[in-house]
PDB file of N, CA and C in Angstrom:
ATOM      1  N   MET A   1      -0.477  24.949  24.241  1.00  0.00           N
ATOM      2  CA  MET A   1      -0.259  25.344  25.609  1.00  0.00           C
ATOM      3  C   MET A   1       1.207  25.176  26.005  1.00  0.00           C
ATOM      4  N   ALA A   2       1.824  24.086  25.616  1.00  0.00           N
ATOM      5  CA  ALA A   2       3.217  23.849  25.972  1.00  0.00           C
ATOM      6  C   ALA A   2       4.119  24.868  25.288  1.00  0.00           C
ATOM      7  N   MET A   3       3.818  25.191  24.048  1.00  0.00           N
ATOM      8  CA  MET A   3       4.630  26.177  23.330  1.00  0.00           C
ATOM      9  C   MET A   3       4.503  27.549  23.981  1.00  0.00           C
ATOM     10  N   ARG A   4       3.308  27.874  24.426  1.00  0.00           N
ATOM     11  CA  ARG A   4       3.096  29.161  25.092  1.00  0.00           C
ATOM     12  C   ARG A   4       3.898  29.217  26.385  1.00  0.00           C
ATOM     13  N   LYS A   5       3.938  28.096  27.119  1.00  0.00           N
ATOM     14  CA  LYS A   5       4.696  28.039  28.372  1.00  0.00           C
ATOM     15  C   LYS A   5       6.191  28.216  28.097  1.00  0.00           C
ATOM     16  N   ILE A   6       6.701  27.506  27.088  1.00  0.00           N
ATOM     17  CA  ILE A   6       8.121  27.616  26.742  1.00  0.00           C
ATOM     18  C   ILE A   6       8.445  29.035  26.295  1.00  0.00           C
ATOM     19  N   TYR A   7       7.575  29.611  25.475  1.00  0.00           N
ATOM     20  CA  TYR A   7       7.817  30.977  24.999  1.00  0.00           C
ATOM     21  C   TYR A   7       7.853  31.960  26.154  1.00  0.00           C
ATOM     22  N   SER A   8       6.921  31.823  27.083  1.00  0.00           N
ATOM     23  CA  SER A   8       6.903  32.758  28.211  1.00  0.00           C
ATOM     24  C   SER A   8       8.141  32.592  29.093  1.00  0.00           C
ATOM     25  N   GLU A   9       8.685  31.367  29.162  1.00  0.00           N
ATOM     26  CA  GLU A   9       9.874  31.141  29.981  1.00  0.00           C
ATOM     27  C   GLU A   9      11.143  31.673  29.326  1.00  0.00           C
ATOM     28  N   ILE A  10      11.249  31.582  28.003  1.00  0.00           N
ATOM     29  CA  ILE A  10      12.480  32.033  27.346  1.00  0.00           C
ATOM     30  C   ILE A  10      12.395  33.485  26.883  1.00  0.00           C
ATOM     31  N   LYS A  11      11.229  34.088  27.004  1.00  0.00           N
ATOM     32  CA  LYS A  11      11.042  35.463  26.528  1.00  0.00           C
ATOM     33  C   LYS A  11      11.990  36.442  27.205  1.00  0.00           C
ATOM     34  N   GLY A  12      12.218  36.288  28.481  1.00  0.00           N
ATOM     35  CA  GLY A  12      13.058  37.212  29.208  1.00  0.00           C
ATOM     36  C   GLY A  12      14.543  36.856  29.220  1.00  0.00           C
ATOM     37  N   MET A  13      14.910  35.724  28.616  1.00  0.00           N
ATOM     38  CA  MET A  13      16.305  35.285  28.632  1.00  0.00           C
ATOM     39  C   MET A  13      17.123  35.983  27.559  1.00  0.00           C
ATOM     40  N   LYS A  14      18.415  36.002  27.800  1.00  0.00           N
ATOM     41  CA  LYS A  14      19.339  36.457  26.764  1.00  0.00           C
ATOM     42  C   LYS A  14      19.623  35.285  25.841  1.00  0.00           C
ATOM     43  N   LEU A  15      20.065  35.572  24.648  1.00  0.00           N
ATOM     44  CA  LEU A  15      20.274  34.537  23.645  1.00  0.00           C
ATOM     45  C   LEU A  15      21.285  33.486  24.108  1.00  0.00           C
ATOM     46  N   LYS A  16      22.284  33.883  24.855  1.00  0.00           N
ATOM     47  CA  LYS A  16      23.295  32.938  25.333  1.00  0.00           C
ATOM     48  C   LYS A  16      22.740  31.969  26.368  1.00  0.00           C
ATOM     49  N   GLU A  17      21.642  32.340  27.034  1.00  0.00           N
ATOM     50  CA  GLU A  17      21.053  31.492  28.063  1.00  0.00           C
ATOM     51  C   GLU A  17      20.091  30.445  27.496  1.00  0.00           C
ATOM     52  N   VAL A  18      19.605  30.632  26.277  1.00  0.00           N
ATOM     53  CA  VAL A  18      18.588  29.746  25.694  1.00  0.00           C
ATOM     54  C   VAL A  18      19.113  28.319  25.496  1.00  0.00           C
ATOM     55  N   PRO A  19      20.323  28.094  24.955  1.00  0.00           N
ATOM     56  CA  PRO A  19      20.785  26.702  24.827  1.00  0.00           C
ATOM     57  C   PRO A  19      20.892  25.991  26.169  1.00  0.00           C
ATOM     58  N   GLY A  20      21.274  26.702  27.208  1.00  0.00           N
ATOM     59  CA  GLY A  20      21.338  26.105  28.538  1.00  0.00           C
ATOM     60  C   GLY A  20      19.969  25.718  29.061  1.00  0.00           C
ATOM     61  N   TYR A  21      18.942  26.406  28.601  1.00  0.00           N
ATOM     62  CA  TYR A  21      17.575  26.079  28.993  1.00  0.00           C
ATOM     63  C   TYR A  21      17.093  24.812  28.284  1.00  0.00           C
ATOM     64  N   PHE A  22      17.422  24.673  26.987  1.00  0.00           N
ATOM     65  CA  PHE A  22      16.928  23.540  26.206  1.00  0.00           C
ATOM     66  C   PHE A  22      17.774  22.273  26.347  1.00  0.00           C
ATOM     67  N   LYS A  23      19.044  22.408  26.683  1.00  0.00           N
ATOM     68  CA  LYS A  23      19.932  21.245  26.722  1.00  0.00           C
ATOM     69  C   LYS A  23      19.443  20.151  27.666  1.00  0.00           C
ATOM     70  N   PRO A  24      19.003  20.456  28.887  1.00  0.00           N
ATOM     71  CA  PRO A  24      18.500  19.373  29.757  1.00  0.00           C
ATOM     72  C   PRO A  24      17.242  18.699  29.193  1.00  0.00           C
ATOM     73  N   MET A  25      16.461  19.424  28.400  1.00  0.00           N
ATOM     74  CA  MET A  25      15.237  18.855  27.833  1.00  0.00           C
ATOM     75  C   MET A  25      15.533  17.854  26.719  1.00  0.00           C
ATOM     76  N   LEU A  26      16.731  17.881  26.171  1.00  0.00           N
ATOM     77  CA  LEU A  26      17.077  16.992  25.077  1.00  0.00           C
ATOM     78  C   LEU A  26      17.825  15.753  25.537  1.00  0.00           C
ATOM     79  N   SER A  27      17.946  15.559  26.832  1.00  0.00           N
ATOM     80  CA  SER A  27      18.629  14.371  27.333  1.00  0.00           C
ATOM     81  C   SER A  27      17.709  13.157  27.202  1.00  0.00           C
ATOM     82  N   VAL A  28      18.306  11.979  27.137  1.00  0.00           N
ATOM     83  CA  VAL A  28      17.545  10.742  26.964  1.00  0.00           C
ATOM     84  C   VAL A  28      16.611  10.518  28.157  1.00  0.00           C
ATOM     85  N   GLY A  29      17.102  10.782  29.341  1.00  0.00           N
ATOM     86  CA  GLY A  29      16.285  10.588  30.537  1.00  0.00           C
ATOM     87  C   GLY A  29      15.066  11.489  30.564  1.00  0.00           C
ATOM     88  N   PHE A  30      15.247  12.750  30.177  1.00  0.00           N
ATOM     89  CA  PHE A  30      14.129  13.689  30.161  1.00  0.00           C
ATOM     90  C   PHE A  30      13.098  13.273  29.124  1.00  0.00           C
ATOM     91  N   VAL A  31      13.554  12.834  27.941  1.00  0.00           N
ATOM     92  CA  VAL A  31      12.632  12.412  26.891  1.00  0.00           C
ATOM     93  C   VAL A  31      11.857  11.173  27.334  1.00  0.00           C
ATOM     94  N   LYS A  32      12.547  10.203  27.938  1.00  0.00           N
ATOM     95  CA  LYS A  32      11.864   8.996  28.432  1.00  0.00           C
ATOM     96  C   LYS A  32      10.818   9.356  29.480  1.00  0.00           C
ATOM     97  N   LYS A  33      11.194  10.256  30.397  1.00  0.00           N
ATOM     98  CA  LYS A  33      10.270  10.655  31.455  1.00  0.00           C
ATOM     99  C   LYS A  33       9.061  11.391  30.870  1.00  0.00           C
ATOM    100  N   SER A  34       9.282  12.212  29.861  1.00  0.00           N
ATOM    101  CA  SER A  34       8.183  12.937  29.229  1.00  0.00           C
ATOM    102  C   SER A  34       7.236  11.993  28.507  1.00  0.00           C
ATOM    103  N   ILE A  35       7.794  11.010  27.800  1.00  0.00           N
ATOM    104  CA  ILE A  35       6.959  10.032  27.098  1.00  0.00           C
ATOM    105  C   ILE A  35       6.159   9.216  28.108  1.00  0.00           C
ATOM    106  N   GLN A  36       6.801   8.791  29.181  1.00  0.00           N
ATOM    107  CA  GLN A  36       6.100   8.022  30.203  1.00  0.00           C
ATOM    108  C   GLN A  36       4.987   8.839  30.836  1.00  0.00           C
ATOM    109  N   ARG A  37       5.237  10.117  31.091  1.00  0.00           N
ATOM    110  CA  ARG A  37       4.219  10.987  31.666  1.00  0.00           C
ATOM    111  C   ARG A  37       3.040  11.134  30.701  1.00  0.00           C
ATOM    112  N   GLY A  38       3.341  11.271  29.398  1.00  0.00           N
ATOM    113  CA  GLY A  38       2.277  11.365  28.399  1.00  0.00           C
ATOM    114  C   GLY A  38       1.447  10.096  28.314  1.00  0.00           C
ATOM    115  N   LEU A  39       2.121   8.938  28.366  1.00  0.00           N
ATOM    116  CA  LEU A  39       1.386   7.673  28.341  1.00  0.00           C
ATOM    117  C   LEU A  39       0.531   7.497  29.593  1.00  0.00           C
ATOM    118  N   ASP A  40       1.059   7.911  30.739  1.00  0.00           N
ATOM    119  CA  ASP A  40       0.275   7.833  31.981  1.00  0.00           C
ATOM    120  C   ASP A  40      -0.952   8.731  31.904  1.00  0.00           C
ATOM    121  N   ASN A  41      -0.776   9.931  31.361  1.00  0.00           N
ATOM    122  CA  ASN A  41      -1.917  10.843  31.212  1.00  0.00           C
ATOM    123  C   ASN A  41      -2.950  10.272  30.247  1.00  0.00           C
ATOM    124  N   TYR A  42      -2.501   9.672  29.145  1.00  0.00           N
ATOM    125  CA  TYR A  42      -3.412   9.055  28.177  1.00  0.00           C
ATOM    126  C   TYR A  42      -4.176   7.908  28.837  1.00  0.00           C
ATOM    127  N   HIS A  43      -3.462   7.089  29.597  1.00  0.00           N
ATOM    128  CA  HIS A  43      -4.096   5.962  30.278  1.00  0.00           C
ATOM    129  C   HIS A  43      -5.158   6.457  31.261  1.00  0.00           C
ATOM    130  N   ALA A  44      -4.827   7.483  32.021  1.00  0.00           N
ATOM    131  CA  ALA A  44      -5.779   8.005  32.996  1.00  0.00           C
ATOM    132  C   ALA A  44      -6.987   8.643  32.312  1.00  0.00           C
ATOM    133  N   LYS A  45      -6.773   9.300  31.194  1.00  0.00           N
ATOM    134  CA  LYS A  45      -7.856  10.022  30.524  1.00  0.00           C
ATOM    135  C   LYS A  45      -8.776   9.107  29.730  1.00  0.00           C
ATOM    136  N   TYR A  46      -8.219   8.097  29.068  1.00  0.00           N
ATOM    137  CA  TYR A  46      -9.023   7.293  28.157  1.00  0.00           C
ATOM    138  C   TYR A  46      -9.228   5.848  28.608  1.00  0.00           C
ATOM    139  N   ILE A  47      -8.206   5.193  29.082  1.00  0.00           N
ATOM    140  CA  ILE A  47      -8.293   3.773  29.387  1.00  0.00           C
ATOM    141  C   ILE A  47      -9.062   3.536  30.693  1.00  0.00           C
ATOM    142  N   GLU A  48      -8.705   4.258  31.741  1.00  0.00           N
ATOM    143  CA  GLU A  48      -9.360   4.057  33.031  1.00  0.00           C
ATOM    144  C   GLU A  48     -10.805   4.507  33.031  1.00  0.00           C
ATOM    145  N   THR A  49     -11.192   5.366  32.119  1.00  0.00           N
ATOM    146  CA  THR A  49     -12.576   5.855  32.060  1.00  0.00           C
ATOM    147  C   THR A  49     -13.440   5.021  31.134  1.00  0.00           C
ATOM    148  N   ASP A  50     -12.898   3.944  30.566  1.00  0.00           N
ATOM    149  CA  ASP A  50     -13.623   3.075  29.628  1.00  0.00           C
ATOM    150  C   ASP A  50     -14.180   3.852  28.447  1.00  0.00           C
ATOM    151  N   SER A  51     -13.393   4.789  27.965  1.00  0.00           N
ATOM    152  CA  SER A  51     -13.797   5.598  26.819  1.00  0.00           C
ATOM    153  C   SER A  51     -13.628   4.805  25.533  1.00  0.00           C
ATOM    154  N   ILE A  52     -14.418   5.152  24.517  1.00  0.00           N
ATOM    155  CA  ILE A  52     -14.303   4.499  23.213  1.00  0.00           C
ATOM    156  C   ILE A  52     -13.288   5.230  22.326  1.00  0.00           C
ATOM    157  N   GLU A  53     -12.813   6.362  22.762  1.00  0.00           N
ATOM    158  CA  GLU A  53     -11.907   7.162  21.941  1.00  0.00           C
ATOM    159  C   GLU A  53     -10.607   6.456  21.546  1.00  0.00           C
ATOM    160  N   PRO A  54     -10.004   5.584  22.381  1.00  0.00           N
ATOM    161  CA  PRO A  54      -8.806   4.876  21.899  1.00  0.00           C
ATOM    162  C   PRO A  54      -9.076   4.043  20.648  1.00  0.00           C
ATOM    163  N   LEU A  55     -10.282   3.497  20.539  1.00  0.00           N
ATOM    164  CA  LEU A  55     -10.638   2.760  19.329  1.00  0.00           C
ATOM    165  C   LEU A  55     -10.660   3.696  18.126  1.00  0.00           C
ATOM    166  N   TYR A  56     -11.201   4.875  18.303  1.00  0.00           N
ATOM    167  CA  TYR A  56     -11.190   5.882  17.231  1.00  0.00           C
ATOM    168  C   TYR A  56      -9.752   6.264  16.873  1.00  0.00           C
ATOM    169  N   HIS A  57      -8.904   6.422  17.895  1.00  0.00           N
ATOM    170  CA  HIS A  57      -7.509   6.782  17.640  1.00  0.00           C
ATOM    171  C   HIS A  57      -6.827   5.718  16.798  1.00  0.00           C
ATOM    172  N   ILE A  58      -7.095   4.448  17.098  1.00  0.00           N
ATOM    173  CA  ILE A  58      -6.492   3.356  16.330  1.00  0.00           C
ATOM    174  C   ILE A  58      -7.035   3.335  14.906  1.00  0.00           C
ATOM    175  N   CYS A  59      -8.349   3.479  14.765  1.00  0.00           N
ATOM    176  CA  CYS A  59      -8.958   3.427  13.422  1.00  0.00           C
ATOM    177  C   CYS A  59      -8.472   4.581  12.545  1.00  0.00           C
ATOM    178  N   PHE A  60      -8.579   5.786  13.040  1.00  0.00           N
ATOM    179  CA  PHE A  60      -8.165   6.941  12.241  1.00  0.00           C
ATOM    180  C   PHE A  60      -6.656   6.974  12.040  1.00  0.00           C
ATOM    181  N   GLY A  61      -5.913   6.594  13.057  1.00  0.00           N
ATOM    182  CA  GLY A  61      -4.464   6.522  12.919  1.00  0.00           C
ATOM    183  C   GLY A  61      -4.053   5.488  11.886  1.00  0.00           C
ATOM    184  N   GLY A  62      -4.737   4.346  11.876  1.00  0.00           N
ATOM    185  CA  GLY A  62      -4.450   3.322  10.876  1.00  0.00           C
ATOM    186  C   GLY A  62      -4.775   3.790   9.467  1.00  0.00           C
ATOM    187  N   MET A  63      -5.878   4.507   9.316  1.00  0.00           N
ATOM    188  CA  MET A  63      -6.230   5.030   7.992  1.00  0.00           C
ATOM    189  C   MET A  63      -5.207   6.057   7.514  1.00  0.00           C
ATOM    190  N   ILE A  64      -4.805   6.938   8.392  1.00  0.00           N
ATOM    191  CA  ILE A  64      -3.811   7.955   8.025  1.00  0.00           C
ATOM    192  C   ILE A  64      -2.478   7.297   7.701  1.00  0.00           C
ATOM    193  N   PHE A  65      -2.073   6.318   8.504  1.00  0.00           N
ATOM    194  CA  PHE A  65      -0.815   5.612   8.264  1.00  0.00           C
ATOM    195  C   PHE A  65      -0.833   4.902   6.914  1.00  0.00           C
ATOM    196  N   SER A  66      -1.925   4.188   6.613  1.00  0.00           N
ATOM    197  CA  SER A  66      -1.986   3.461   5.335  1.00  0.00           C
ATOM    198  C   SER A  66      -2.004   4.432   4.160  1.00  0.00           C
ATOM    199  N   TYR A  67      -2.650   5.571   4.315  1.00  0.00           N
ATOM    200  CA  TYR A  67      -2.641   6.583   3.261  1.00  0.00           C
ATOM    201  C   TYR A  67      -1.221   7.096   3.026  1.00  0.00           C
ATOM    202  N   LEU A  68      -0.512   7.390   4.098  1.00  0.00           N
ATOM    203  CA  LEU A  68       0.844   7.917   3.959  1.00  0.00           C
ATOM    204  C   LEU A  68       1.805   6.882   3.385  1.00  0.00           C
ATOM    205  N   VAL A  69       1.592   5.602   3.696  1.00  0.00           N
ATOM    206  CA  VAL A  69       2.440   4.558   3.144  1.00  0.00           C
ATOM    207  C   VAL A  69       2.189   4.404   1.647  1.00  0.00           C
ATOM    208  N   ALA A  70       0.923   4.504   1.224  1.00  0.00           N
ATOM    209  CA  ALA A  70       0.567   4.315  -0.186  1.00  0.00           C
ATOM    210  C   ALA A  70       0.804   5.569  -1.023  1.00  0.00           C
ATOM    211  N   LEU A  71       0.948   6.716  -0.404  1.00  0.00           N
ATOM    212  CA  LEU A  71       1.062   7.973  -1.137  1.00  0.00           C
ATOM    213  C   LEU A  71       2.231   8.021  -2.128  1.00  0.00           C
ATOM    214  N   PRO A  72       3.446   7.621  -1.773  1.00  0.00           N
ATOM    215  CA  PRO A  72       4.535   7.678  -2.761  1.00  0.00           C
ATOM    216  C   PRO A  72       4.267   6.825  -3.993  1.00  0.00           C
ATOM    217  N   ASN A  73       3.682   5.648  -3.801  1.00  0.00           N
ATOM    218  CA  ASN A  73       3.370   4.786  -4.930  1.00  0.00           C
ATOM    219  C   ASN A  73       2.310   5.430  -5.824  1.00  0.00           C
ATOM    220  N   GLU A  74       1.299   6.029  -5.231  1.00  0.00           N
ATOM    221  CA  GLU A  74       0.261   6.698  -6.014  1.00  0.00           C
ATOM    222  C   GLU A  74       0.825   7.893  -6.786  1.00  0.00           C
ATOM    223  N   ARG A  75       1.705   8.638  -6.145  1.00  0.00           N
ATOM    224  CA  ARG A  75       2.306   9.789  -6.830  1.00  0.00           C
ATOM    225  C   ARG A  75       3.161   9.340  -8.011  1.00  0.00           C
ATOM    226  N   ARG A  76       3.923   8.248  -7.841  1.00  0.00           N
ATOM    227  CA  ARG A  76       4.703   7.712  -8.961  1.00  0.00           C
ATOM    228  C   ARG A  76       3.793   7.279 -10.100  1.00  0.00           C
ATOM    229  N   HIS A  77       2.695   6.607  -9.751  1.00  0.00           N
ATOM    230  CA  HIS A  77       1.751   6.142 -10.755  1.00  0.00           C
ATOM    231  C   HIS A  77       1.148   7.330 -11.522  1.00  0.00           C
ATOM    232  N   LEU A  78       0.722   8.356 -10.808  1.00  0.00           N
ATOM    233  CA  LEU A  78       0.123   9.522 -11.467  1.00  0.00           C
ATOM    234  C   LEU A  78       1.147  10.275 -12.314  1.00  0.00           C
ATOM    235  N   GLU A  79       2.371  10.365 -11.834  1.00  0.00           N
ATOM    236  CA  GLU A  79       3.421  11.037 -12.611  1.00  0.00           C
ATOM    237  C   GLU A  79       3.719  10.256 -13.893  1.00  0.00           C
ATOM    238  N   HIS A  80       3.753   8.923 -13.792  1.00  0.00           N
ATOM    239  CA  HIS A  80       3.984   8.088 -14.968  1.00  0.00           C
ATOM    240  C   HIS A  80       2.835   8.250 -15.965  1.00  0.00           C
ATOM    241  N   LYS A  81       1.627   8.290 -15.456  1.00  0.00           N
ATOM    242  CA  LYS A  81       0.448   8.465 -16.318  1.00  0.00           C
ATOM    243  C   LYS A  81       0.487   9.826 -17.014  1.00  0.00           C
ATOM    244  N   ARG A  82       0.826  10.883 -16.269  1.00  0.00           N
ATOM    245  CA  ARG A  82       0.913  12.223 -16.848  1.00  0.00           C
ATOM    246  C   ARG A  82       2.014  12.287 -17.908  1.00  0.00           C
ATOM    247  N   HIS A  83       3.137  11.661 -17.610  1.00  0.00           N
ATOM    248  CA  HIS A  83       4.254  11.646 -18.561  1.00  0.00           C
ATOM    249  C   HIS A  83       3.859  10.917 -19.839  1.00  0.00           C
ATOM    250  N   ALA A  84       3.148   9.797 -19.701  1.00  0.00           N
ATOM    251  CA  ALA A  84       2.714   9.033 -20.881  1.00  0.00           C
ATOM    252  C   ALA A  84       1.714   9.835 -21.713  1.00  0.00           C
ATOM    253  N   GLU A  85       0.837  10.571 -21.055  1.00  0.00           N
ATOM    254  CA  GLU A  85      -0.141  11.376 -21.798  1.00  0.00           C
ATOM    255  C   GLU A  85       0.534  12.517 -22.537  1.00  0.00           C
ATOM    256  N   GLN A  86       1.560  13.099 -21.963  1.00  0.00           N
ATOM    257  CA  GLN A  86       2.276  14.202 -22.607  1.00  0.00           C
ATOM    258  C   GLN A  86       3.040  13.724 -23.846  1.00  0.00           C
ATOM    259  N   HIS A  87       3.481  12.478 -23.847  1.00  0.00           N
ATOM    260  CA  HIS A  87       4.273  11.960 -24.952  1.00  0.00           C
ATOM    261  C   HIS A  87       3.471  11.081 -25.900  1.00  0.00           C
ATOM    262  N   GLY A  88       2.153  11.088 -25.766  1.00  0.00           N
ATOM    263  CA  GLY A  88       1.280  10.405 -26.704  1.00  0.00           C
ATOM    264  C   GLY A  88       1.166   8.914 -26.522  1.00  0.00           C
ATOM    265  N   HIS A  89       1.567   8.374 -25.389  1.00  0.00           N
ATOM    266  CA  HIS A  89       1.412   6.951 -25.114  1.00  0.00           C
ATOM    267  C   HIS A  89       0.071   6.708 -24.438  1.00  0.00           C
ATOM    268  N   HIS A  90      -0.434   5.494 -24.578  1.00  0.00           N
ATOM    269  CA  HIS A  90      -1.737   5.191 -23.977  1.00  0.00           C
ATOM    270  C   HIS A  90      -1.534   4.541 -22.648  1.00  0.00           C
TER     271      HIS A  90
END
């Protein structure tokens, strides 16, 4: 939805006007305000309603995070194993 809104706003602009449109959005104050607005919306949607979904977000987020942290080590291990098999090592 946000991408559609941005696209519809810049669709009619000339190319020289586009950086002027995005520059205020990249300021530290705008980013802080956007993050705060997102956290407020999350709090209103999930925390104030006593929803169980934040627990799901933590559980699934933790699983995804641990998978991504372990992935480079697993890839190195599998590459080493494949290399050893190609060269006749056990």
